[in-house]
PDB file of N, CA and C in Angstrom:
ATOM      1  N   MET A   1     115.390  40.948 110.525  1.00  0.00           N
ATOM      2  CA  MET A   1     114.255  40.065 110.718  1.00  0.00           C
ATOM      3  C   MET A   1     113.124  40.831 111.417  1.00  0.00           C
ATOM      4  N   HIS A   2     111.949  40.697 110.863  1.00  0.00           N
ATOM      5  CA  HIS A   2     110.798  41.389 111.476  1.00  0.00           C
ATOM      6  C   HIS A   2     110.406  40.710 112.793  1.00  0.00           C
ATOM      7  N   THR A   3     109.709  41.441 113.584  1.00  0.00           N
ATOM      8  CA  THR A   3     109.262  40.931 114.874  1.00  0.00           C
ATOM      9  C   THR A   3     108.357  39.697 114.696  1.00  0.00           C
ATOM     10  N   ILE A   4     107.505  39.745 113.688  1.00  0.00           N
ATOM     11  CA  ILE A   4     106.618  38.599 113.457  1.00  0.00           C
ATOM     12  C   ILE A   4     107.405  37.361 113.075  1.00  0.00           C
ATOM     13  N   GLU A   5     108.438  37.539 112.223  1.00  0.00           N
ATOM     14  CA  GLU A   5     109.275  36.406 111.832  1.00  0.00           C
ATOM     15  C   GLU A   5     109.980  35.798 113.046  1.00  0.00           C
ATOM     16  N   ALA A   6     110.489  36.667 113.935  1.00  0.00           N
ATOM     17  CA  ALA A   6     111.180  36.173 115.134  1.00  0.00           C
ATOM     18  C   ALA A   6     110.215  35.444 116.033  1.00  0.00           C
ATOM     19  N   ALA A   7     109.008  35.956 116.193  1.00  0.00           N
ATOM     20  CA  ALA A   7     108.007  35.330 117.048  1.00  0.00           C
ATOM     21  C   ALA A   7     107.628  33.959 116.493  1.00  0.00           C
ATOM     22  N   LYS A   8     107.436  33.848 115.186  1.00  0.00           N
ATOM     23  CA  LYS A   8     107.047  32.583 114.591  1.00  0.00           C
ATOM     24  C   LYS A   8     108.185  31.558 114.724  1.00  0.00           C
ATOM     25  N   GLU A   9     109.409  32.033 114.623  1.00  0.00           N
ATOM     26  CA  GLU A   9     110.552  31.148 114.729  1.00  0.00           C
ATOM     27  C   GLU A   9     110.696  30.591 116.165  1.00  0.00           C
ATOM     28  N   LYS A  10     110.452  31.432 117.165  1.00  0.00           N
ATOM     29  CA  LYS A  10     110.659  31.017 118.556  1.00  0.00           C
ATOM     30  C   LYS A  10     109.416  30.380 119.146  1.00  0.00           C
ATOM     31  N   LEU A  11     108.250  30.838 118.800  1.00  0.00           N
ATOM     32  CA  LEU A  11     106.996  30.379 119.407  1.00  0.00           C
ATOM     33  C   LEU A  11     106.071  29.854 118.323  1.00  0.00           C
ATOM     34  N   ARG A  12     106.161  28.606 118.059  1.00  0.00           N
ATOM     35  CA  ARG A  12     105.402  28.007 116.950  1.00  0.00           C
ATOM     36  C   ARG A  12     103.909  27.877 117.242  1.00  0.00           C
ATOM     37  N   SER A  13     103.493  28.004 118.501  1.00  0.00           N
ATOM     38  CA  SER A  13     102.096  27.817 118.856  1.00  0.00           C
ATOM     39  C   SER A  13     101.280  29.108 118.740  1.00  0.00           C
ATOM     40  N   ILE A  14     101.873  30.208 118.342  1.00  0.00           N
ATOM     41  CA  ILE A  14     101.125  31.459 118.216  1.00  0.00           C
ATOM     42  C   ILE A  14     100.118  31.341 117.099  1.00  0.00           C
ATOM     43  N   LYS A  15      98.882  31.682 117.400  1.00  0.00           N
ATOM     44  CA  LYS A  15      97.831  31.670 116.397  1.00  0.00           C
ATOM     45  C   LYS A  15      97.231  33.040 116.136  1.00  0.00           C
ATOM     46  N   ILE A  16      97.280  33.893 117.183  1.00  0.00           N
ATOM     47  CA  ILE A  16      96.660  35.218 117.078  1.00  0.00           C
ATOM     48  C   ILE A  16      97.604  36.249 117.680  1.00  0.00           C
ATOM     49  N   MET A  17      97.634  37.409 117.044  1.00  0.00           N
ATOM     50  CA  MET A  17      98.445  38.541 117.557  1.00  0.00           C
ATOM     51  C   MET A  17      97.578  39.771 117.535  1.00  0.00           C
ATOM     52  N   TRP A  18      97.855  40.678 118.443  1.00  0.00           N
ATOM     53  CA  TRP A  18      97.135  41.947 118.509  1.00  0.00           C
ATOM     54  C   TRP A  18      98.091  43.078 118.162  1.00  0.00           C
ATOM     55  N   ALA A  19      97.581  44.064 117.456  1.00  0.00           N
ATOM     56  CA  ALA A  19      98.382  45.195 117.056  1.00  0.00           C
ATOM     57  C   ALA A  19      97.604  46.491 117.230  1.00  0.00           C
ATOM     58  N   ASP A  20      98.326  47.585 117.291  1.00  0.00           N
ATOM     59  CA  ASP A  20      97.761  48.922 117.420  1.00  0.00           C
ATOM     60  C   ASP A  20      97.087  49.311 116.079  1.00  0.00           C
ATOM     61  N   GLY A  21      96.225  50.295 116.149  1.00  0.00           N
ATOM     62  CA  GLY A  21      95.527  50.747 114.955  1.00  0.00           C
ATOM     63  C   GLY A  21      96.433  51.241 113.845  1.00  0.00           C
ATOM     64  N   GLY A  22      97.619  51.667 114.188  1.00  0.00           N
ATOM     65  CA  GLY A  22      98.571  52.138 113.171  1.00  0.00           C
ATOM     66  C   GLY A  22      99.160  51.034 112.307  1.00  0.00           C
ATOM     67  N   TYR A  23      98.902  49.811 112.674  1.00  0.00           N
ATOM     68  CA  TYR A  23      99.465  48.672 111.935  1.00  0.00           C
ATOM     69  C   TYR A  23      98.475  48.008 111.010  1.00  0.00           C
ATOM     70  N   SER A  24      97.344  48.669 110.701  1.00  0.00           N
ATOM     71  CA  SER A  24      96.388  48.047 109.810  1.00  0.00           C
ATOM     72  C   SER A  24      96.873  48.148 108.377  1.00  0.00           C
ATOM     73  N   GLY A  25      96.138  47.590 107.469  1.00  0.00           N
ATOM     74  CA  GLY A  25      96.510  47.661 106.068  1.00  0.00           C
ATOM     75  C   GLY A  25      97.154  46.360 105.598  1.00  0.00           C
ATOM     76  N   GLN A  26      98.290  46.458 104.942  1.00  0.00           N
ATOM     77  CA  GLN A  26      98.919  45.290 104.316  1.00  0.00           C
ATOM     78  C   GLN A  26      99.460  44.301 105.351  1.00  0.00           C
ATOM     79  N   LEU A  27      99.752  44.754 106.557  1.00  0.00           N
ATOM     80  CA  LEU A  27     100.304  43.875 107.561  1.00  0.00           C
ATOM     81  C   LEU A  27      99.376  42.736 107.886  1.00  0.00           C
ATOM     82  N   ILE A  28      98.101  42.951 107.889  1.00  0.00           N
ATOM     83  CA  ILE A  28      97.132  41.910 108.216  1.00  0.00           C
ATOM     84  C   ILE A  28      97.216  40.764 107.218  1.00  0.00           C
ATOM     85  N   GLU A  29      97.235  41.092 105.933  1.00  0.00           N
ATOM     86  CA  GLU A  29      97.328  40.050 104.885  1.00  0.00           C
ATOM     87  C   GLU A  29      98.713  39.421 104.893  1.00  0.00           C
ATOM     88  N   TRP A  30      99.744  40.177 105.157  1.00  0.00           N
ATOM     89  CA  TRP A  30     101.112  39.643 105.185  1.00  0.00           C
ATOM     90  C   TRP A  30     101.266  38.638 106.293  1.00  0.00           C
ATOM     91  N   ALA A  31     100.719  38.957 107.486  1.00  0.00           N
ATOM     92  CA  ALA A  31     100.785  38.030 108.608  1.00  0.00           C
ATOM     93  C   ALA A  31      99.981  36.761 108.337  1.00  0.00           C
ATOM     94  N   LYS A  32      98.852  36.902 107.684  1.00  0.00           N
ATOM     95  CA  LYS A  32      97.961  35.763 107.387  1.00  0.00           C
ATOM     96  C   LYS A  32      98.624  34.843 106.344  1.00  0.00           C
ATOM     97  N   SER A  33      99.085  35.447 105.240  1.00  0.00           N
ATOM     98  CA  SER A  33      99.611  34.614 104.160  1.00  0.00           C
ATOM     99  C   SER A  33     101.006  34.062 104.435  1.00  0.00           C
ATOM    100  N   GLY A  34     101.861  34.852 105.027  1.00  0.00           N
ATOM    101  CA  GLY A  34     103.235  34.446 105.245  1.00  0.00           C
ATOM    102  C   GLY A  34     103.460  33.606 106.487  1.00  0.00           C
ATOM    103  N   PHE A  35     102.655  33.832 107.522  1.00  0.00           N
ATOM    104  CA  PHE A  35     102.929  33.196 108.811  1.00  0.00           C
ATOM    105  C   PHE A  35     101.743  32.478 109.414  1.00  0.00           C
ATOM    106  N   ASN A  36     100.594  32.545 108.746  1.00  0.00           N
ATOM    107  CA  ASN A  36      99.379  31.888 109.218  1.00  0.00           C
ATOM    108  C   ASN A  36      98.944  32.403 110.592  1.00  0.00           C
ATOM    109  N   PHE A  37      99.143  33.700 110.848  1.00  0.00           N
ATOM    110  CA  PHE A  37      98.669  34.352 112.072  1.00  0.00           C
ATOM    111  C   PHE A  37      97.337  35.036 111.779  1.00  0.00           C
ATOM    112  N   ILE A  38      96.522  35.155 112.797  1.00  0.00           N
ATOM    113  CA  ILE A  38      95.391  36.055 112.736  1.00  0.00           C
ATOM    114  C   ILE A  38      95.829  37.308 113.450  1.00  0.00           C
ATOM    115  N   LEU A  39      95.860  38.424 112.779  1.00  0.00           N
ATOM    116  CA  LEU A  39      96.289  39.707 113.344  1.00  0.00           C
ATOM    117  C   LEU A  39      95.056  40.535 113.590  1.00  0.00           C
ATOM    118  N   GLU A  40      94.759  40.788 114.852  1.00  0.00           N
ATOM    119  CA  GLU A  40      93.618  41.628 115.211  1.00  0.00           C
ATOM    120  C   GLU A  40      94.113  43.016 115.568  1.00  0.00           C
ATOM    121  N   ILE A  41      93.464  44.016 115.012  1.00  0.00           N
ATOM    122  CA  ILE A  41      93.818  45.406 115.277  1.00  0.00           C
ATOM    123  C   ILE A  41      92.918  45.890 116.430  1.00  0.00           C
ATOM    124  N   VAL A  42      93.564  46.389 117.498  1.00  0.00           N
ATOM    125  CA  VAL A  42      92.835  46.943 118.656  1.00  0.00           C
ATOM    126  C   VAL A  42      92.769  48.445 118.446  1.00  0.00           C
ATOM    127  N   LYS A  43      91.573  48.938 118.176  1.00  0.00           N
ATOM    128  CA  LYS A  43      91.383  50.372 117.909  1.00  0.00           C
ATOM    129  C   LYS A  43      90.601  51.033 119.025  1.00  0.00           C
ATOM    130  N   ARG A  44      90.920  52.284 119.228  1.00  0.00           N
ATOM    131  CA  ARG A  44      90.174  53.099 120.200  1.00  0.00           C
ATOM    132  C   ARG A  44      88.956  53.675 119.505  1.00  0.00           C
ATOM    133  N   SER A  45      87.842  53.696 120.190  1.00  0.00           N
ATOM    134  CA  SER A  45      86.618  54.247 119.596  1.00  0.00           C
ATOM    135  C   SER A  45      86.726  55.761 119.543  1.00  0.00           C
ATOM    136  N   ASP A  46      86.234  56.354 118.457  1.00  0.00           N
ATOM    137  CA  ASP A  46      86.317  57.813 118.295  1.00  0.00           C
ATOM    138  C   ASP A  46      85.386  58.581 119.202  1.00  0.00           C
ATOM    139  N   ASP A  47      84.289  57.962 119.645  1.00  0.00           N
ATOM    140  CA  ASP A  47      83.314  58.658 120.483  1.00  0.00           C
ATOM    141  C   ASP A  47      83.630  58.607 121.979  1.00  0.00           C
ATOM    142  N   VAL A  48      84.713  57.922 122.371  1.00  0.00           N
ATOM    143  CA  VAL A  48      85.088  57.826 123.795  1.00  0.00           C
ATOM    144  C   VAL A  48      85.961  59.030 124.161  1.00  0.00           C
ATOM    145  N   GLU A  49      85.595  59.700 125.238  1.00  0.00           N
ATOM    146  CA  GLU A  49      86.406  60.825 125.715  1.00  0.00           C
ATOM    147  C   GLU A  49      87.212  60.376 126.915  1.00  0.00           C
ATOM    148  N   GLY A  50      88.429  60.882 127.021  1.00  0.00           N
ATOM    149  CA  GLY A  50      89.260  60.556 128.167  1.00  0.00           C
ATOM    150  C   GLY A  50      89.916  59.176 128.020  1.00  0.00           C
ATOM    151  N   PHE A  51      90.304  58.639 129.162  1.00  0.00           N
ATOM    152  CA  PHE A  51      91.023  57.346 129.159  1.00  0.00           C
ATOM    153  C   PHE A  51      90.049  56.205 129.153  1.00  0.00           C
ATOM    154  N   LYS A  52      90.335  55.209 128.317  1.00  0.00           N
ATOM    155  CA  LYS A  52      89.516  53.987 128.268  1.00  0.00           C
ATOM    156  C   LYS A  52      90.461  52.821 128.100  1.00  0.00           C
ATOM    157  N   VAL A  53      90.336  51.838 128.983  1.00  0.00           N
ATOM    158  CA  VAL A  53      91.151  50.625 128.904  1.00  0.00           C
ATOM    159  C   VAL A  53      90.720  49.812 127.698  1.00  0.00           C
ATOM    160  N   LEU A  54      91.668  49.493 126.835  1.00  0.00           N
ATOM    161  CA  LEU A  54      91.363  48.687 125.667  1.00  0.00           C
ATOM    162  C   LEU A  54      91.781  47.243 125.936  1.00  0.00           C
ATOM    163  N   PRO A  55      90.980  46.288 125.484  1.00  0.00           N
ATOM    164  CA  PRO A  55      91.360  44.878 125.727  1.00  0.00           C
ATOM    165  C   PRO A  55      92.681  44.541 125.091  1.00  0.00           C
ATOM    166  N   MET A  56      93.526  43.823 125.789  1.00  0.00           N
ATOM    167  CA  MET A  56      94.830  43.339 125.405  1.00  0.00           C
ATOM    168  C   MET A  56      95.898  44.425 125.301  1.00  0.00           C
ATOM    169  N   ARG A  57      95.507  45.646 124.968  1.00  0.00           N
ATOM    170  CA  ARG A  57      96.493  46.700 124.799  1.00  0.00           C
ATOM    171  C   ARG A  57      97.097  47.107 126.151  1.00  0.00           C
ATOM    172  N   TRP A  58      96.328  47.008 127.225  1.00  0.00           N
ATOM    173  CA  TRP A  58      96.814  47.420 128.518  1.00  0.00           C
ATOM    174  C   TRP A  58      97.942  46.526 128.978  1.00  0.00           C
ATOM    175  N   ILE A  59      97.979  45.279 128.516  1.00  0.00           N
ATOM    176  CA  ILE A  59      99.057  44.365 128.892  1.00  0.00           C
ATOM    177  C   ILE A  59     100.379  44.898 128.401  1.00  0.00           C
ATOM    178  N   VAL A  60     100.417  45.325 127.151  1.00  0.00           N
ATOM    179  CA  VAL A  60     101.646  45.875 126.562  1.00  0.00           C
ATOM    180  C   VAL A  60     102.035  47.163 127.281  1.00  0.00           C
ATOM    181  N   GLU A  61     101.077  48.052 127.471  1.00  0.00           N
ATOM    182  CA  GLU A  61     101.380  49.317 128.129  1.00  0.00           C
ATOM    183  C   GLU A  61     101.895  49.160 129.550  1.00  0.00           C
ATOM    184  N   ARG A  62     101.315  48.201 130.263  1.00  0.00           N
ATOM    185  CA  ARG A  62     101.759  47.891 131.628  1.00  0.00           C
ATOM    186  C   ARG A  62     103.203  47.360 131.615  1.00  0.00           C
ATOM    187  N   THR A  63     103.509  46.474 130.667  1.00  0.00           N
ATOM    188  CA  THR A  63     104.843  45.935 130.580  1.00  0.00           C
ATOM    189  C   THR A  63     105.862  46.982 130.233  1.00  0.00           C
ATOM    190  N   PHE A  64     105.501  47.905 129.319  1.00  0.00           N
ATOM    191  CA  PHE A  64     106.408  49.026 129.001  1.00  0.00           C
ATOM    192  C   PHE A  64     106.628  49.891 130.234  1.00  0.00           C
ATOM    193  N   GLY A  65     105.593  50.048 131.053  1.00  0.00           N
ATOM    194  CA  GLY A  65     105.749  50.814 132.303  1.00  0.00           C
ATOM    195  C   GLY A  65     106.734  50.170 133.251  1.00  0.00           C
ATOM    196  N   TRP A  66     106.639  48.839 133.365  1.00  0.00           N
ATOM    197  CA  TRP A  66     107.552  48.095 134.231  1.00  0.00           C
ATOM    198  C   TRP A  66     108.981  48.225 133.718  1.00  0.00           C
ATOM    199  N   LEU A  67     109.150  48.071 132.427  1.00  0.00           N
ATOM    200  CA  LEU A  67     110.505  48.133 131.847  1.00  0.00           C
ATOM    201  C   LEU A  67     111.078  49.543 131.932  1.00  0.00           C
ATOM    202  N   GLY A  68     110.216  50.545 131.870  1.00  0.00           N
ATOM    203  CA  GLY A  68     110.664  51.935 131.928  1.00  0.00           C
ATOM    204  C   GLY A  68     111.275  52.303 133.281  1.00  0.00           C
ATOM    205  N   ARG A  69     111.031  51.491 134.298  1.00  0.00           N
ATOM    206  CA  ARG A  69     111.639  51.751 135.604  1.00  0.00           C
ATOM    207  C   ARG A  69     113.132  51.431 135.628  1.00  0.00           C
ATOM    208  N   ASN A  70     113.596  50.693 134.647  1.00  0.00           N
ATOM    209  CA  ASN A  70     115.042  50.394 134.550  1.00  0.00           C
ATOM    210  C   ASN A  70     115.715  51.554 133.790  1.00  0.00           C
ATOM    211  N   ARG A  71     116.752  52.094 134.396  1.00  0.00           N
ATOM    212  CA  ARG A  71     117.392  53.294 133.866  1.00  0.00           C
ATOM    213  C   ARG A  71     117.840  53.109 132.407  1.00  0.00           C
ATOM    214  N   ARG A  72     118.453  52.003 132.075  1.00  0.00           N
ATOM    215  CA  ARG A  72     118.961  51.788 130.716  1.00  0.00           C
ATOM    216  C   ARG A  72     117.836  51.594 129.684  1.00  0.00           C
ATOM    217  N   LEU A  73     116.648  51.261 130.152  1.00  0.00           N
ATOM    218  CA  LEU A  73     115.527  51.073 129.249  1.00  0.00           C
ATOM    219  C   LEU A  73     114.607  52.281 129.188  1.00  0.00           C
ATOM    220  N   SER A  74     114.879  53.308 129.987  1.00  0.00           N
ATOM    221  CA  SER A  74     114.026  54.478 129.973  1.00  0.00           C
ATOM    222  C   SER A  74     114.159  55.266 128.696  1.00  0.00           C
ATOM    223  N   LYS A  75     115.300  55.181 128.061  1.00  0.00           N
ATOM    224  CA  LYS A  75     115.534  55.799 126.747  1.00  0.00           C
ATOM    225  C   LYS A  75     116.276  54.812 125.891  1.00  0.00           C
ATOM    226  N   ASP A  76     116.389  55.121 124.637  1.00  0.00           N
ATOM    227  CA  ASP A  76     117.081  54.213 123.718  1.00  0.00           C
ATOM    228  C   ASP A  76     118.564  54.573 123.655  1.00  0.00           C
ATOM    229  N   TYR A  77     119.318  54.028 124.614  1.00  0.00           N
ATOM    230  CA  TYR A  77     120.752  54.328 124.722  1.00  0.00           C
ATOM    231  C   TYR A  77     121.602  53.372 123.867  1.00  0.00           C
ATOM    232  N   GLU A  78     121.096  52.227 123.512  1.00  0.00           N
ATOM    233  CA  GLU A  78     121.917  51.182 122.897  1.00  0.00           C
ATOM    234  C   GLU A  78     122.064  51.397 121.410  1.00  0.00           C
ATOM    235  N   ARG A  79     123.218  50.940 120.892  1.00  0.00           N
ATOM    236  CA  ARG A  79     123.458  51.014 119.450  1.00  0.00           C
ATOM    237  C   ARG A  79     122.956  49.791 118.723  1.00  0.00           C
ATOM    238  N   LEU A  80     123.068  48.645 119.377  1.00  0.00           N
ATOM    239  CA  LEU A  80     122.674  47.400 118.738  1.00  0.00           C
ATOM    240  C   LEU A  80     121.345  46.888 119.273  1.00  0.00           C
ATOM    241  N   PRO A  81     120.471  46.374 118.421  1.00  0.00           N
ATOM    242  CA  PRO A  81     119.209  45.791 118.909  1.00  0.00           C
ATOM    243  C   PRO A  81     119.441  44.646 119.866  1.00  0.00           C
ATOM    244  N   SER A  82     120.502  43.882 119.661  1.00  0.00           N
ATOM    245  CA  SER A  82     120.780  42.749 120.552  1.00  0.00           C
ATOM    246  C   SER A  82     121.079  43.241 121.970  1.00  0.00           C
ATOM    247  N   SER A  83     121.703  44.398 122.112  1.00  0.00           N
ATOM    248  CA  SER A  83     121.942  44.972 123.439  1.00  0.00           C
ATOM    249  C   SER A  83     120.633  45.363 124.106  1.00  0.00           C
ATOM    250  N   SER A  84     119.745  45.976 123.339  1.00  0.00           N
ATOM    251  CA  SER A  84     118.430  46.344 123.883  1.00  0.00           C
ATOM    252  C   SER A  84     117.641  45.101 124.293  1.00  0.00           C
ATOM    253  N   GLU A  85     117.711  44.079 123.466  1.00  0.00           N
ATOM    254  CA  GLU A  85     116.995  42.832 123.773  1.00  0.00           C
ATOM    255  C   GLU A  85     117.525  42.218 125.078  1.00  0.00           C
ATOM    256  N   ALA A  86     118.844  42.222 125.237  1.00  0.00           N
ATOM    257  CA  ALA A  86     119.449  41.671 126.454  1.00  0.00           C
ATOM    258  C   ALA A  86     119.020  42.454 127.682  1.00  0.00           C
ATOM    259  N   LEU A  87     118.926  43.778 127.554  1.00  0.00           N
ATOM    260  CA  LEU A  87     118.498  44.598 128.682  1.00  0.00           C
ATOM    261  C   LEU A  87     117.030  44.400 129.017  1.00  0.00           C
ATOM    262  N   VAL A  88     116.211  44.106 128.018  1.00  0.00           N
ATOM    263  CA  VAL A  88     114.796  43.786 128.276  1.00  0.00           C
ATOM    264  C   VAL A  88     114.720  42.487 129.074  1.00  0.00           C
ATOM    265  N   TYR A  89     115.513  41.476 128.677  1.00  0.00           N
ATOM    266  CA  TYR A  89     115.546  40.208 129.420  1.00  0.00           C
ATOM    267  C   TYR A  89     116.005  40.480 130.875  1.00  0.00           C
ATOM    268  N   ILE A  90     117.043  41.271 131.035  1.00  0.00           N
ATOM    269  CA  ILE A  90     117.541  41.578 132.399  1.00  0.00           C
ATOM    270  C   ILE A  90     116.473  42.274 133.221  1.00  0.00           C
ATOM    271  N   GLY A  91     115.771  43.242 132.589  1.00  0.00           N
ATOM    272  CA  GLY A  91     114.739  43.981 133.282  1.00  0.00           C
ATOM    273  C   GLY A  91     113.583  43.077 133.728  1.00  0.00           C
ATOM    274  N   MET A  92     113.187  42.129 132.883  1.00  0.00           N
ATOM    275  CA  MET A  92     112.113  41.234 133.257  1.00  0.00           C
ATOM    276  C   MET A  92     112.571  40.210 134.288  1.00  0.00           C
ATOM    277  N   ILE A  93     113.801  39.752 134.206  1.00  0.00           N
ATOM    278  CA  ILE A  93     114.348  38.865 135.222  1.00  0.00           C
ATOM    279  C   ILE A  93     114.354  39.564 136.570  1.00  0.00           C
ATOM    280  N   ARG A  94     114.783  40.810 136.567  1.00  0.00           N
ATOM    281  CA  ARG A  94     114.801  41.624 137.801  1.00  0.00           C
ATOM    282  C   ARG A  94     113.401  41.729 138.393  1.00  0.00           C
ATOM    283  N   LEU A  95     112.442  42.001 137.532  1.00  0.00           N
ATOM    284  CA  LEU A  95     111.050  42.094 137.992  1.00  0.00           C
ATOM    285  C   LEU A  95     110.562  40.799 138.603  1.00  0.00           C
ATOM    286  N   MET A  96     110.856  39.686 137.938  1.00  0.00           N
ATOM    287  CA  MET A  96     110.404  38.388 138.458  1.00  0.00           C
ATOM    288  C   MET A  96     111.087  38.046 139.782  1.00  0.00           C
ATOM    289  N   LEU A  97     112.376  38.386 139.895  1.00  0.00           N
ATOM    290  CA  LEU A  97     113.092  38.096 141.151  1.00  0.00           C
ATOM    291  C   LEU A  97     112.519  38.922 142.327  1.00  0.00           C
ATOM    292  N   HIS A  98     112.148  40.192 142.059  1.00  0.00           N
ATOM    293  CA  HIS A  98     111.528  40.991 143.105  1.00  0.00           C
ATOM    294  C   HIS A  98     110.191  40.410 143.538  1.00  0.00           C
ATOM    295  N   ARG A  99     109.479  39.822 142.607  1.00  0.00           N
ATOM    296  CA  ARG A  99     108.180  39.230 142.958  1.00  0.00           C
ATOM    297  C   ARG A  99     108.310  37.924 143.716  1.00  0.00           C
ATOM    298  N   LEU A 100     109.405  37.221 143.498  1.00  0.00           N
ATOM    299  CA  LEU A 100     109.652  35.973 144.202  1.00  0.00           C
ATOM    300  C   LEU A 100     110.071  36.202 145.662  1.00  0.00           C
ATOM    301  N   VAL A 101     110.668  37.339 145.943  1.00  0.00           N
ATOM    302  CA  VAL A 101     111.194  37.586 147.275  1.00  0.00           C
ATOM    303  C   VAL A 101     110.064  37.909 148.236  1.00  0.00           C
TER     304      VAL A 101
END
C-alpha cells in the first residue's frame, strides 16, 4: 500500500499534501484523480546559495531530526515496515512524554 493510500484511509479530511521536488510528474495527477488530493511540490530555487528554509519542508526535516535521536531509528535496522512504523510511534510517544514532564 502506498503512503498516499494509507493516509487517505486513516485521515479522510486531508485535502492537500506537500512533496519534495523529486516527486513531480505523474504523482500529481495520480493523487488528484485517485484520491482527490492537491499535491503541491515544494522546490528549492536555483538562484539561492547556501541554506534556505522552505515552507512546510522544514516540518518534515525537523521531525526526522527528532526521530533520528532514537538509536533504532538512526539507521534502517528493521526487516519489516510494520516494525519501523511501531518504532516511529514509540519515538514520537517518547518525545511527547518528555515534553509533558
